[in-house]
Amino acid sequence: MMGAIRNTWFLALAWSLLLCGCSESDNFVQKKFDSILRIDLDTIIAGVQKNGLLDTPYFRILSYKSYNEGIYSKLAVVEFFFLKTIKAKIVRKYRYVTEAGLWDRYFNEYKFYDDSTKTKP
């Protein structure tokens, strides 16, 4: 009986620590972001015929900012390059929802560019 009470108390304490906003490390948040970017790139190229793709589709992080206060603790802007013959890219904006511990994509736009503005990483 005491063991069950102790386990219940421990679970309640652990859950409350998770909910109190204990922040994840910046390194962990960055790894989540990198994973999402790779998934987004794979999703983007999945809908394009192979002969229409660049030899190596890629993304480039234009900005990545951290904030100490507010709902969103991180904001990022990323460009995705994937088309071979059409000089177009996708620009996406992401924000990290601190309380949920999740990245949220809130902006998605296709833009044309010329070769002089595009540099490969």
N, C-alpha and C. Protein backbone atom coordinates (compact mmCIF):
# COMPACT_ATOMS: atom_id res chain seq x y z
N MET A 1 0.82 -1.19 0.00
CA MET A 1 0.00 0.00 0.00
C MET A 1 0.87 1.26 0.00
N MET A 2 1.87 1.29 0.88
CA MET A 2 2.77 2.46 0.93
C MET A 2 3.55 2.59 -0.37
N GLY A 3 3.90 1.45 -0.98
CA GLY A 3 4.63 1.50 -2.24
C GLY A 3 3.80 2.14 -3.33
N ALA A 4 2.50 1.84 -3.37
CA ALA A 4 1.62 2.42 -4.37
C ALA A 4 1.47 3.92 -4.15
N ILE A 5 1.38 4.34 -2.90
CA ILE A 5 1.26 5.77 -2.60
C ILE A 5 2.55 6.48 -2.99
N ARG A 6 3.69 5.88 -2.67
CA ARG A 6 4.97 6.48 -3.01
C ARG A 6 5.13 6.58 -4.52
N ASN A 7 4.74 5.53 -5.26
CA ASN A 7 4.84 5.57 -6.73
C ASN A 7 3.92 6.63 -7.32
N THR A 8 2.72 6.76 -6.78
CA THR A 8 1.78 7.77 -7.25
C THR A 8 2.33 9.16 -7.00
N TRP A 9 2.89 9.38 -5.80
CA TRP A 9 3.47 10.68 -5.48
C TRP A 9 4.65 10.99 -6.41
N PHE A 10 5.49 10.00 -6.67
CA PHE A 10 6.64 10.19 -7.56
C PHE A 10 6.19 10.54 -8.97
N LEU A 11 5.19 9.84 -9.49
CA LEU A 11 4.67 10.13 -10.83
C LEU A 11 4.07 11.53 -10.89
N ALA A 12 3.34 11.93 -9.85
CA ALA A 12 2.76 13.28 -9.82
C ALA A 12 3.86 14.33 -9.79
N LEU A 13 4.92 14.09 -9.05
CA LEU A 13 6.03 15.03 -8.98
C LEU A 13 6.73 15.12 -10.33
N ALA A 14 6.98 13.99 -10.95
CA ALA A 14 7.65 13.98 -12.26
C ALA A 14 6.79 14.70 -13.29
N TRP A 15 5.51 14.45 -13.29
CA TRP A 15 4.61 15.10 -14.26
C TRP A 15 4.58 16.60 -14.04
N SER A 16 4.53 17.04 -12.79
CA SER A 16 4.49 18.48 -12.51
C SER A 16 5.79 19.16 -12.92
N LEU A 17 6.92 18.47 -12.78
CA LEU A 17 8.19 19.04 -13.24
C LEU A 17 8.20 19.21 -14.75
N LEU A 18 7.61 18.27 -15.45
CA LEU A 18 7.53 18.39 -16.91
C LEU A 18 6.64 19.56 -17.31
N LEU A 19 5.56 19.75 -16.60
CA LEU A 19 4.61 20.81 -16.94
C LEU A 19 5.04 22.19 -16.49
N CYS A 20 5.98 22.27 -15.56
CA CYS A 20 6.33 23.58 -15.00
C CYS A 20 7.19 24.41 -15.95
N GLY A 21 7.49 23.87 -17.11
CA GLY A 21 8.26 24.66 -18.07
C GLY A 21 9.75 24.41 -17.97
N CYS A 22 10.14 23.33 -17.37
CA CYS A 22 11.56 23.01 -17.32
C CYS A 22 12.05 22.93 -18.76
N SER A 23 12.98 23.77 -19.09
CA SER A 23 13.37 23.90 -20.49
C SER A 23 14.29 22.78 -20.93
N GLU A 24 14.18 22.48 -22.21
CA GLU A 24 15.07 21.51 -22.82
C GLU A 24 16.36 22.21 -23.18
N SER A 25 17.42 21.45 -23.29
CA SER A 25 18.69 22.07 -23.65
C SER A 25 18.64 22.60 -25.08
N ASP A 26 19.41 23.64 -25.34
CA ASP A 26 19.47 24.20 -26.69
C ASP A 26 19.92 23.15 -27.70
N ASN A 27 20.83 22.30 -27.29
CA ASN A 27 21.33 21.24 -28.17
C ASN A 27 20.20 20.28 -28.56
N PHE A 28 19.36 19.92 -27.60
CA PHE A 28 18.24 19.01 -27.87
C PHE A 28 17.23 19.66 -28.81
N VAL A 29 16.93 20.94 -28.58
CA VAL A 29 15.98 21.68 -29.42
C VAL A 29 16.54 21.78 -30.85
N GLN A 30 17.84 22.04 -30.98
CA GLN A 30 18.48 22.12 -32.30
C GLN A 30 18.42 20.77 -33.02
N LYS A 31 18.61 19.68 -32.30
CA LYS A 31 18.52 18.34 -32.92
C LYS A 31 17.10 18.08 -33.41
N LYS A 32 16.10 18.50 -32.64
CA LYS A 32 14.70 18.36 -33.08
C LYS A 32 14.50 19.14 -34.38
N PHE A 33 15.05 20.36 -34.42
CA PHE A 33 14.90 21.21 -35.59
C PHE A 33 15.57 20.59 -36.81
N ASP A 34 16.78 20.11 -36.65
CA ASP A 34 17.49 19.45 -37.76
C ASP A 34 16.69 18.27 -38.29
N SER A 35 16.11 17.51 -37.40
CA SER A 35 15.29 16.35 -37.80
C SER A 35 14.07 16.80 -38.61
N ILE A 36 13.41 17.86 -38.17
CA ILE A 36 12.24 18.37 -38.88
C ILE A 36 12.63 18.88 -40.27
N LEU A 37 13.77 19.56 -40.36
CA LEU A 37 14.21 20.07 -41.65
C LEU A 37 14.49 18.94 -42.63
N ARG A 38 15.10 17.87 -42.16
CA ARG A 38 15.37 16.72 -43.04
C ARG A 38 14.07 16.05 -43.49
N ILE A 39 13.12 15.94 -42.57
CA ILE A 39 11.81 15.37 -42.92
C ILE A 39 11.10 16.27 -43.93
N ASP A 40 11.15 17.59 -43.71
CA ASP A 40 10.52 18.53 -44.65
C ASP A 40 11.15 18.42 -46.03
N LEU A 41 12.47 18.34 -46.10
CA LEU A 41 13.15 18.22 -47.40
C LEU A 41 12.73 16.91 -48.08
N ASP A 42 12.70 15.82 -47.33
CA ASP A 42 12.27 14.54 -47.92
C ASP A 42 10.84 14.61 -48.43
N THR A 43 9.97 15.29 -47.70
CA THR A 43 8.58 15.45 -48.11
C THR A 43 8.48 16.30 -49.37
N ILE A 44 9.26 17.35 -49.44
CA ILE A 44 9.25 18.23 -50.61
C ILE A 44 9.69 17.47 -51.86
N ILE A 45 10.78 16.73 -51.77
CA ILE A 45 11.30 16.06 -52.97
C ILE A 45 10.51 14.81 -53.34
N ALA A 46 9.72 14.29 -52.40
CA ALA A 46 8.92 13.10 -52.70
C ALA A 46 7.89 13.36 -53.79
N GLY A 47 7.46 14.61 -53.93
CA GLY A 47 6.44 14.93 -54.92
C GLY A 47 6.99 15.37 -56.26
N VAL A 48 8.30 15.27 -56.45
CA VAL A 48 8.92 15.74 -57.70
C VAL A 48 9.57 14.55 -58.41
N GLN A 49 9.39 14.50 -59.73
CA GLN A 49 10.03 13.43 -60.50
C GLN A 49 11.54 13.56 -60.40
N LYS A 50 12.22 12.42 -60.39
CA LYS A 50 13.68 12.39 -60.21
C LYS A 50 14.42 13.27 -61.21
N ASN A 51 13.98 13.29 -62.46
CA ASN A 51 14.69 14.08 -63.47
C ASN A 51 14.50 15.59 -63.27
N GLY A 52 13.58 16.00 -62.42
CA GLY A 52 13.36 17.41 -62.14
C GLY A 52 14.10 17.91 -60.91
N LEU A 53 14.76 16.98 -60.20
CA LEU A 53 15.44 17.34 -58.95
C LEU A 53 16.90 17.72 -59.17
N LEU A 54 17.39 18.59 -58.33
CA LEU A 54 18.83 18.84 -58.28
C LEU A 54 19.54 17.53 -57.94
N ASP A 55 20.80 17.42 -58.30
CA ASP A 55 21.55 16.22 -57.94
C ASP A 55 21.55 16.01 -56.43
N THR A 56 21.67 17.11 -55.71
CA THR A 56 21.65 17.05 -54.25
C THR A 56 20.75 18.16 -53.71
N PRO A 57 19.45 17.88 -53.54
CA PRO A 57 18.57 18.88 -52.94
C PRO A 57 19.07 19.22 -51.53
N TYR A 58 18.88 20.46 -51.11
CA TYR A 58 19.40 20.87 -49.81
C TYR A 58 18.59 22.01 -49.24
N PHE A 59 18.85 22.30 -47.97
CA PHE A 59 18.24 23.46 -47.32
C PHE A 59 19.35 24.31 -46.72
N ARG A 60 19.02 25.58 -46.51
CA ARG A 60 19.96 26.53 -45.93
C ARG A 60 19.23 27.33 -44.86
N ILE A 61 19.77 27.34 -43.66
CA ILE A 61 19.18 28.11 -42.56
C ILE A 61 19.64 29.56 -42.71
N LEU A 62 18.70 30.46 -42.95
CA LEU A 62 19.01 31.88 -43.10
C LEU A 62 19.15 32.59 -41.77
N SER A 63 18.30 32.23 -40.82
CA SER A 63 18.39 32.83 -39.49
C SER A 63 17.87 31.86 -38.46
N TYR A 64 18.43 31.98 -37.26
CA TYR A 64 18.03 31.15 -36.12
C TYR A 64 18.25 32.01 -34.88
N LYS A 65 17.15 32.43 -34.25
CA LYS A 65 17.23 33.34 -33.11
C LYS A 65 16.60 32.71 -31.88
N SER A 66 17.18 33.00 -30.73
CA SER A 66 16.65 32.54 -29.45
C SER A 66 16.14 33.72 -28.64
N TYR A 67 15.09 33.47 -27.87
CA TYR A 67 14.48 34.49 -27.02
C TYR A 67 14.32 33.93 -25.62
N ASN A 68 14.41 34.79 -24.62
CA ASN A 68 14.28 34.35 -23.22
C ASN A 68 12.86 34.42 -22.70
N GLU A 69 12.01 35.18 -23.34
CA GLU A 69 10.65 35.34 -22.85
C GLU A 69 9.65 35.14 -23.97
N GLY A 70 8.42 34.82 -23.60
CA GLY A 70 7.35 34.69 -24.58
C GLY A 70 6.98 33.25 -24.85
N ILE A 71 5.99 33.09 -25.68
CA ILE A 71 5.48 31.76 -26.04
C ILE A 71 6.50 31.00 -26.88
N TYR A 72 7.18 31.71 -27.77
CA TYR A 72 8.14 31.10 -28.68
C TYR A 72 9.56 31.44 -28.24
N SER A 73 10.37 30.43 -28.02
CA SER A 73 11.74 30.69 -27.55
C SER A 73 12.75 30.71 -28.69
N LYS A 74 12.34 30.24 -29.87
CA LYS A 74 13.24 30.23 -31.02
C LYS A 74 12.44 30.54 -32.29
N LEU A 75 13.08 31.24 -33.20
CA LEU A 75 12.51 31.51 -34.52
C LEU A 75 13.57 31.23 -35.56
N ALA A 76 13.17 30.66 -36.69
CA ALA A 76 14.12 30.34 -37.75
C ALA A 76 13.49 30.53 -39.12
N VAL A 77 14.34 30.88 -40.10
CA VAL A 77 13.93 31.00 -41.49
C VAL A 77 14.85 30.09 -42.30
N VAL A 78 14.24 29.26 -43.16
CA VAL A 78 15.00 28.26 -43.92
C VAL A 78 14.58 28.28 -45.38
N GLU A 79 15.57 28.15 -46.27
CA GLU A 79 15.31 28.02 -47.71
C GLU A 79 15.56 26.57 -48.12
N PHE A 80 14.69 26.06 -49.00
CA PHE A 80 14.84 24.71 -49.54
C PHE A 80 15.05 24.82 -51.05
N PHE A 81 16.14 24.26 -51.54
CA PHE A 81 16.46 24.24 -52.97
C PHE A 81 16.37 22.79 -53.44
N PHE A 82 15.58 22.56 -54.51
CA PHE A 82 15.38 21.18 -54.91
C PHE A 82 15.10 21.00 -56.40
N LEU A 83 14.70 22.03 -57.11
CA LEU A 83 14.35 21.91 -58.53
C LEU A 83 15.57 22.16 -59.42
N LYS A 84 15.68 21.36 -60.48
CA LYS A 84 16.83 21.46 -61.39
C LYS A 84 16.68 22.58 -62.41
N THR A 85 15.57 22.64 -63.10
CA THR A 85 15.44 23.57 -64.22
C THR A 85 14.68 24.85 -63.87
N ILE A 86 13.88 24.81 -62.86
CA ILE A 86 13.11 26.00 -62.45
C ILE A 86 13.84 26.63 -61.27
N LYS A 87 14.17 27.89 -61.40
CA LYS A 87 14.90 28.59 -60.34
C LYS A 87 13.91 29.08 -59.28
N ALA A 88 13.40 28.13 -58.50
CA ALA A 88 12.46 28.43 -57.43
C ALA A 88 12.91 27.71 -56.16
N LYS A 89 12.58 28.31 -55.05
CA LYS A 89 12.90 27.73 -53.74
C LYS A 89 11.67 27.86 -52.86
N ILE A 90 11.67 27.12 -51.79
CA ILE A 90 10.63 27.26 -50.78
C ILE A 90 11.27 27.94 -49.57
N VAL A 91 10.61 28.97 -49.07
CA VAL A 91 11.05 29.64 -47.85
C VAL A 91 10.04 29.26 -46.76
N ARG A 92 10.56 28.73 -45.67
CA ARG A 92 9.70 28.36 -44.55
C ARG A 92 10.19 29.03 -43.28
N LYS A 93 9.23 29.40 -42.45
CA LYS A 93 9.55 29.98 -41.14
C LYS A 93 9.05 29.02 -40.06
N TYR A 94 9.85 28.89 -39.04
CA TYR A 94 9.56 27.97 -37.94
C TYR A 94 9.66 28.73 -36.62
N ARG A 95 8.90 28.28 -35.64
CA ARG A 95 9.01 28.82 -34.28
C ARG A 95 8.88 27.66 -33.30
N TYR A 96 9.61 27.77 -32.21
CA TYR A 96 9.61 26.72 -31.20
C TYR A 96 8.66 27.12 -30.08
N VAL A 97 7.60 26.34 -29.88
CA VAL A 97 6.61 26.59 -28.84
C VAL A 97 7.16 25.98 -27.55
N THR A 98 7.61 26.83 -26.67
CA THR A 98 8.33 26.39 -25.47
C THR A 98 7.50 25.44 -24.61
N GLU A 99 6.27 25.82 -24.29
CA GLU A 99 5.44 24.99 -23.40
C GLU A 99 5.16 23.62 -23.98
N ALA A 100 4.96 23.54 -25.29
CA ALA A 100 4.65 22.25 -25.93
C ALA A 100 5.91 21.46 -26.26
N GLY A 101 7.05 22.16 -26.35
CA GLY A 101 8.29 21.48 -26.72
C GLY A 101 8.30 21.04 -28.17
N LEU A 102 7.62 21.82 -29.04
CA LEU A 102 7.48 21.45 -30.44
C LEU A 102 7.83 22.61 -31.37
N TRP A 103 8.35 22.26 -32.53
CA TRP A 103 8.56 23.23 -33.60
C TRP A 103 7.28 23.36 -34.40
N ASP A 104 6.93 24.59 -34.75
CA ASP A 104 5.72 24.90 -35.51
C ASP A 104 6.13 25.61 -36.79
N ARG A 105 5.72 25.07 -37.95
CA ARG A 105 5.96 25.75 -39.22
C ARG A 105 4.78 26.68 -39.44
N TYR A 106 5.03 27.97 -39.55
CA TYR A 106 3.92 28.91 -39.66
C TYR A 106 3.95 29.74 -40.93
N PHE A 107 4.89 29.49 -41.83
CA PHE A 107 4.97 30.25 -43.07
C PHE A 107 5.60 29.36 -44.13
N ASN A 108 5.03 29.37 -45.34
CA ASN A 108 5.52 28.55 -46.44
C ASN A 108 5.28 29.32 -47.73
N GLU A 109 6.37 29.63 -48.47
CA GLU A 109 6.21 30.43 -49.67
C GLU A 109 7.21 29.97 -50.74
N TYR A 110 6.72 29.88 -51.97
CA TYR A 110 7.61 29.63 -53.11
C TYR A 110 8.13 30.97 -53.61
N LYS A 111 9.42 31.03 -53.93
CA LYS A 111 10.02 32.26 -54.46
C LYS A 111 10.95 31.90 -55.61
N PHE A 112 11.00 32.78 -56.59
CA PHE A 112 11.96 32.63 -57.68
C PHE A 112 13.25 33.33 -57.29
N TYR A 113 14.37 32.86 -57.85
CA TYR A 113 15.67 33.47 -57.60
C TYR A 113 16.50 33.38 -58.86
N ASP A 114 17.58 34.16 -58.89
CA ASP A 114 18.52 33.98 -60.00
C ASP A 114 19.79 33.35 -59.42
N ASP A 115 20.62 32.79 -60.28
CA ASP A 115 21.78 32.04 -59.81
C ASP A 115 22.76 32.88 -59.00
N SER A 116 22.77 34.18 -59.20
CA SER A 116 23.72 35.01 -58.47
C SER A 116 23.37 35.15 -57.01
N THR A 117 22.09 34.90 -56.65
CA THR A 117 21.69 35.03 -55.24
C THR A 117 21.73 33.70 -54.51
N LYS A 118 21.87 32.61 -55.22
CA LYS A 118 21.87 31.29 -54.61
C LYS A 118 23.32 30.83 -54.41
N THR A 119 23.65 30.45 -53.21
CA THR A 119 24.97 29.87 -52.95
C THR A 119 24.76 28.55 -52.24
N LYS A 120 25.48 27.56 -52.69
CA LYS A 120 25.37 26.25 -52.08
C LYS A 120 26.19 26.23 -50.79
N PRO A 121 25.67 25.59 -49.74
CA PRO A 121 26.38 25.58 -48.45
C PRO A 121 27.73 24.87 -48.54
